[in-house]
Each structure stands twice: as structure tokens, then as C-alpha cells.
C-alpha atoms as a PDB file:
ATOM      1  CA  MET A   1      -5.193 -24.990   3.735  1.00  0.00           C
ATOM      2  CA  LYS A   2      -4.012 -22.084   1.982  1.00  0.00           C
ATOM      3  CA  CYS A   3      -2.700 -18.706   3.420  1.00  0.00           C
ATOM      4  CA  ILE A   4      -5.322 -16.049   3.494  1.00  0.00           C
ATOM      5  CA  ILE A   5      -2.614 -13.253   2.454  1.00  0.00           C
ATOM      6  CA  CYS A   6      -1.024 -14.986  -0.317  1.00  0.00           C
ATOM      7  CA  GLY A   7      -2.391 -18.522  -1.001  1.00  0.00           C
ATOM      8  CA  ARG A   8       0.939 -20.269   0.036  1.00  0.00           C
ATOM      9  CA  GLU A   9       0.500 -23.730   2.038  1.00  0.00           C
ATOM     10  CA  ALA A  10      -0.413 -22.414   5.429  1.00  0.00           C
ATOM     11  CA  GLU A  11       1.423 -23.436   8.745  1.00  0.00           C
ATOM     12  CA  ASN A  12      -1.225 -22.867  10.574  1.00  0.00           C
ATOM     13  CA  LYS A  13      -4.917 -21.970  10.011  1.00  0.00           C
ATOM     14  CA  ASP A  14      -4.223 -18.554   8.690  1.00  0.00           C
ATOM     15  CA  TYR A  15      -0.763 -17.686   7.274  1.00  0.00           C
ATOM     16  CA  CYS A  16       2.038 -19.468   5.744  1.00  0.00           C
ATOM     17  CA  LEU A  17       5.427 -19.771   7.276  1.00  0.00           C
ATOM     18  CA  LEU A  18       6.283 -16.231   6.002  1.00  0.00           C
ATOM     19  CA  HIS A  19       3.186 -14.480   7.047  1.00  0.00           C
ATOM     20  CA  LYS A  20       3.224 -16.104  10.617  1.00  0.00           C
ATOM     21  CA  LYS A  21       6.589 -15.256  11.284  1.00  0.00           C
ATOM     22  CA  ALA A  22       5.567 -11.560  10.716  1.00  0.00           C
ATOM     23  CA  CYS A  23       2.460 -11.792  12.879  1.00  0.00           C
ATOM     24  CA  GLU A  24       4.594 -13.421  15.306  1.00  0.00           C
ATOM     25  CA  ASN A  25       6.818 -10.495  15.140  1.00  0.00           C
ATOM     26  CA  LEU A  26       4.126  -7.838  15.297  1.00  0.00           C
ATOM     27  CA  LYS A  27       2.740  -9.571  18.449  1.00  0.00           C
ATOM     28  CA  GLU A  28       6.208  -9.243  20.064  1.00  0.00           C
ATOM     29  CA  LYS A  29       7.439  -5.896  19.169  1.00  0.00           C
ATOM     30  CA  TYR A  30       3.538  -4.414  20.165  1.00  0.00           C
ATOM     31  CA  GLU A  31       4.727  -4.882  24.077  1.00  0.00           C
ATOM     32  CA  HIS A  32       7.879  -2.505  23.359  1.00  0.00           C
ATOM     33  CA  TRP A  33       5.605   0.043  21.253  1.00  0.00           C
ATOM     34  CA  LYS A  34       2.941  -0.436  23.755  1.00  0.00           C
ATOM     35  CA  LYS A  35       5.371   0.457  26.374  1.00  0.00           C
ATOM     36  CA  ALA A  36       7.271   3.408  24.966  1.00  0.00           C
ATOM     37  CA  LEU A  37       3.951   4.996  23.224  1.00  0.00           C
ATOM     38  CA  GLY A  38       1.131   3.610  24.718  1.00  0.00           C
ATOM     39  CA  LEU A  39      -0.485   2.873  21.530  1.00  0.00           C
ATOM     40  CA  SER A  40      -3.499   0.286  21.379  1.00  0.00           C
ATOM     41  CA  TRP A  41      -3.284  -2.776  19.114  1.00  0.00           C
ATOM     42  CA  ARG A  42      -5.281  -1.380  16.557  1.00  0.00           C
ATOM     43  CA  ASP A  43      -3.219   1.779  16.393  1.00  0.00           C
ATOM     44  CA  TYR A  44       0.132   0.134  16.340  1.00  0.00           C
ATOM     45  CA  LEU A  45      -1.458  -2.138  13.261  1.00  0.00           C
ATOM     46  CA  ILE A  46      -2.449   1.214  11.489  1.00  0.00           C
ATOM     47  CA  GLN A  47       1.310   2.495  12.184  1.00  0.00           C
ATOM     48  CA  VAL A  48       2.557  -0.560  11.037  1.00  0.00           C
ATOM     49  CA  ALA A  49       0.496  -0.827   7.726  1.00  0.00           C
ATOM     50  CA  GLU A  50       1.188   3.051   6.824  1.00  0.00           C
ATOM     51  CA  ASN A  51       4.971   3.057   7.587  1.00  0.00           C
ATOM     52  CA  PRO A  52       6.977   2.554   4.478  1.00  0.00           C
ATOM     53  CA  PHE A  53       9.815   1.135   6.429  1.00  0.00           C
ATOM     54  CA  SER A  54       7.874  -1.763   7.999  1.00  0.00           C
ATOM     55  CA  GLY A  55       8.319  -5.323   6.308  1.00  0.00           C
ATOM     56  CA  VAL A  56       6.275  -6.058   3.325  1.00  0.00           C
ATOM     57  CA  LYS A  57       4.954  -8.861   5.177  1.00  0.00           C
ATOM     58  CA  ALA A  58       4.735  -7.034   8.148  1.00  0.00           C
ATOM     59  CA  ARG A  59       2.273  -4.555   6.278  1.00  0.00           C
ATOM     60  CA  GLN A  60       0.395  -7.455   4.785  1.00  0.00           C
ATOM     61  CA  VAL A  61      -0.387  -9.027   8.074  1.00  0.00           C
ATOM     62  CA  ALA A  62      -1.682  -5.815   9.906  1.00  0.00           C
ATOM     63  CA  GLU A  63      -3.781  -4.808   7.022  1.00  0.00           C
ATOM     64  CA  THR A  64      -5.271  -8.025   7.095  1.00  0.00           C
ATOM     65  CA  ILE A  65      -5.935  -7.806  10.821  1.00  0.00           C
ATOM     66  CA  LEU A  66      -7.240  -4.425  10.701  1.00  0.00           C
ATOM     67  CA  ASN A  67      -9.827  -5.615   7.897  1.00  0.00           C
ATOM     68  CA  GLU A  68     -10.859  -8.636   9.733  1.00  0.00           C
ATOM     69  CA  ASP A  69     -11.830  -6.163  12.571  1.00  0.00           C
ATOM     70  CA  LYS A  70     -14.283  -3.915  10.456  1.00  0.00           C
END
């Protein structure tokens, strides 16, 4: 299987090792953002995707998840 973002060999059904780690980090950090700012998952992903200080892989994963939800 290939990563749905970059086409590298996938570690799980969707992501390569790098994007999988970025996804795990997004999920882990969400709890902090939710507690601090009360953001929904979608709003959090939008914030990450639009933030130029977010890592490239994190932005790519956030954008991919947002696009899947459309």
C-alpha cells in the first residue's frame, strides 16, 4: 500500500511512517488545544492547516483529513 499523501510505502492503510507520526501527534496535541481553547476537531485541523508555523507533514495530514470529511 502507498501513503495517500506522498505515495511512499504505507505503515498502515493510509500513511507512510512520517505522515503516520504526524497524524498521531495531531491527535495527541488535540486534547491540549481542546482543553485550552474548546476547539472542535474540525476547527483544530483548520487551525493547524492554516498555521504557517505548523510542520509541513502536520499541515498535509490536517488538510487530507479535512478534505476526506467533505
